[in-house]
Protein backbone atom coordinates (compact mmCIF):
# COMPACT_ATOMS: atom_id res chain seq x y z
CA MET A 1 131.20 94.58 138.92
CA ASP A 2 134.91 94.09 138.27
CA LEU A 3 135.21 95.33 134.70
CA THR A 4 138.44 93.56 133.76
CA SER A 5 137.16 90.15 134.87
CA TYR A 6 133.86 90.78 133.02
CA VAL A 7 135.76 91.58 129.80
CA GLN A 8 137.94 88.48 130.30
CA LYS A 9 134.79 86.37 130.67
CA VAL A 10 133.19 87.84 127.51
CA SER A 11 136.44 87.34 125.61
CA LEU A 12 136.65 83.66 126.51
CA GLU A 13 132.93 82.96 125.96
CA ASP A 14 132.41 84.91 122.72
CA PHE A 15 135.86 84.81 121.08
CA GLY A 16 137.47 81.75 122.67
CA LYS A 17 140.59 83.84 123.32
CA PRO A 18 141.98 85.38 126.52
CA PHE A 19 141.99 89.10 127.30
CA ARG A 20 145.37 89.83 128.93
CA HIS A 21 145.21 93.56 129.59
CA GLU A 22 143.21 95.97 131.73
CA ALA A 23 139.70 97.35 131.24
CA VAL A 24 138.72 100.61 132.95
CA TRP A 25 135.67 102.89 133.18
CA ASN A 26 135.84 106.37 131.63
CA ARG A 27 132.93 108.64 132.57
CA ARG A 28 134.07 111.31 130.09
CA LEU A 29 133.11 109.21 127.04
CA ARG A 30 129.92 110.69 125.59
CA THR A 31 129.55 109.66 121.96
CA SER A 32 131.43 106.37 122.02
CA GLY A 33 130.78 103.26 124.07
CA GLY A 34 134.42 102.36 124.49
CA ARG A 35 137.96 102.73 123.21
CA PHE A 36 140.85 100.39 122.43
CA PHE A 37 144.42 101.60 122.92
CA PRO A 38 146.85 99.67 120.68
CA LYS A 39 149.92 101.16 122.37
CA ASP A 40 149.36 99.35 125.67
CA GLY A 41 146.34 97.14 124.88
CA HIS A 42 143.95 98.45 127.51
CA LEU A 43 140.25 99.12 126.93
CA GLU A 44 138.05 101.94 128.24
CA PHE A 45 134.28 101.80 128.53
CA ALA A 46 131.56 104.38 129.12
CA PRO A 47 129.52 103.43 132.19
CA ARG A 48 126.50 105.28 130.75
CA ILE A 49 125.95 102.42 128.28
CA LEU A 50 125.50 99.94 131.12
CA GLU A 51 123.41 102.39 133.17
CA GLU A 52 121.10 103.51 130.35
CA TYR A 53 120.81 100.39 128.18
CA GLY A 54 121.55 97.42 130.44
CA GLU A 55 123.94 94.50 130.30
CA ALA A 56 122.83 93.07 126.93
CA VAL A 57 123.77 96.23 124.99
CA PHE A 58 126.89 96.77 127.11
CA ARG A 59 128.05 93.25 126.25
CA GLN A 60 127.70 94.11 122.54
CA VAL A 61 129.89 97.20 123.09
CA VAL A 62 132.46 95.02 124.89
CA ARG A 63 132.43 92.67 121.88
CA HIS A 64 133.06 95.64 119.59
CA GLU A 65 136.16 96.70 121.55
CA LEU A 66 137.36 93.11 121.89
CA THR A 67 137.09 92.77 118.11
CA HIS A 68 139.59 95.66 117.76
CA TYR A 69 141.74 94.08 120.47
CA HIS A 70 141.97 90.54 119.09
CA LEU A 71 142.41 91.56 115.45
CA TYR A 72 145.18 94.01 116.37
CA PHE A 73 147.18 91.36 118.20
CA GLU A 74 146.59 88.87 115.35
CA LYS A 75 148.01 91.50 112.96
CA LYS A 76 144.80 91.62 110.92
CA GLY A 77 142.64 94.58 109.88
CA TYR A 78 141.38 95.98 113.21
CA ARG A 79 140.03 99.35 112.03
CA HIS A 80 136.33 100.06 111.43
CA GLY A 81 136.59 100.01 107.64
CA ASP A 82 138.58 96.78 107.38
CA ALA A 83 136.88 93.64 106.07
CA ASP A 84 138.36 91.52 108.89
CA PHE A 85 136.83 93.85 111.46
CA LYS A 86 133.38 93.89 109.86
CA ARG A 87 133.34 90.10 109.46
CA LEU A 88 134.38 89.29 113.03
CA LEU A 89 132.06 91.93 114.52
CA LYS A 90 129.14 90.35 112.67
CA GLU A 91 130.15 86.84 113.81
CA VAL A 92 130.18 87.79 117.50
CA ASP A 93 127.08 90.05 117.27
CA GLY A 94 128.84 93.24 118.36
CA LEU A 95 127.38 96.71 117.98
CA ARG A 96 128.68 98.69 114.99
CA TYR A 97 127.82 102.05 116.60
CA ALA A 98 127.32 103.07 120.22
CA PRO A 99 123.71 103.96 121.07
CA PRO A 100 123.09 107.69 121.61
CA PRO A 101 122.74 109.08 125.12
CA LYS A 102 119.11 108.82 126.26
CA ASN A 103 119.17 112.26 127.81
CA SER A 104 120.46 114.04 124.69
CA LYS A 105 118.55 117.22 123.99
CA ARG A 106 117.07 117.71 120.56
CA HIS A 107 115.02 120.64 119.36
CA THR A 108 112.15 119.95 117.00
CA TYR A 109 110.71 122.65 114.77
CA VAL A 110 107.48 122.45 112.77
CA CYS A 111 106.50 124.50 109.75
CA SER A 112 103.27 126.41 110.39
CA VAL A 113 102.24 126.06 106.72
CA CYS A 114 103.15 122.57 105.49
CA GLY A 115 103.76 120.78 108.81
CA GLN A 116 107.31 119.66 107.90
CA HIS A 117 109.36 118.63 110.98
CA PHE A 118 113.01 119.61 111.49
CA GLN A 119 115.29 118.23 114.22
CA ARG A 120 118.27 120.21 115.42
CA GLN A 121 120.79 119.69 118.19
CA ARG A 122 121.10 123.42 118.79
CA ARG A 123 118.35 125.98 119.08
CA ILE A 124 117.80 128.29 116.13
CA GLN A 125 116.48 131.84 115.96
CA LEU A 126 112.95 131.44 114.60
CA ASP A 127 112.88 134.94 113.06
CA ARG A 128 115.99 134.17 110.96
CA TYR A 129 115.00 130.81 109.45
CA ARG A 130 112.13 129.56 107.32
CA CYS A 131 110.91 126.16 106.14
CA GLY A 132 113.13 124.79 103.37
CA ALA A 133 110.20 123.11 101.66
CA CYS A 134 107.64 125.92 101.41
CA GLY A 135 109.14 129.04 103.05
CA GLY A 136 106.63 129.08 105.92
CA ARG A 137 107.37 130.21 109.48
CA LEU A 138 108.84 127.71 111.93
CA MET A 139 107.51 127.01 115.41
CA GLU A 140 109.31 125.14 118.16
CA LYS A 141 107.66 121.90 119.20
CA ILE A 142 108.17 120.98 122.83
CA ASN A 143 109.61 117.46 123.16
CA PRO A 144 108.68 115.30 126.14
CA PRO A 145 111.73 114.31 128.21
CA GLN A 146 113.33 111.04 127.13
CA GLY A 147 114.29 108.41 129.63
């Protein structure tokens, strides 16, 4: 897939405006689906979005970045908090946030007394921490692999 021509196609179909810059892949992007660079107008996209979630979700990420792109060049509010950005993103059905990586590791802990569940990104030392609700001991719950 030629990324720049795909973005040009989405821009014309969903915004009715041309995309005149370059779009490139960036494998280093982990938490975001893409980036817009106002200085030179190019867009970067994370290939993991297309690989893990398919073309429908990737197209929504492209719409998100194109929303930044078009509003910036129209000299309107192009940042996430701006009303112009929120309105246009809703109109074109773009994603507000990039979906999380499917292979992200999470650690789940369960209280042995009350059964409360806790999710953490990092492992914790079970002998140092207790349940915040009842003070019981925590046990690690083994999560099945996501995919």
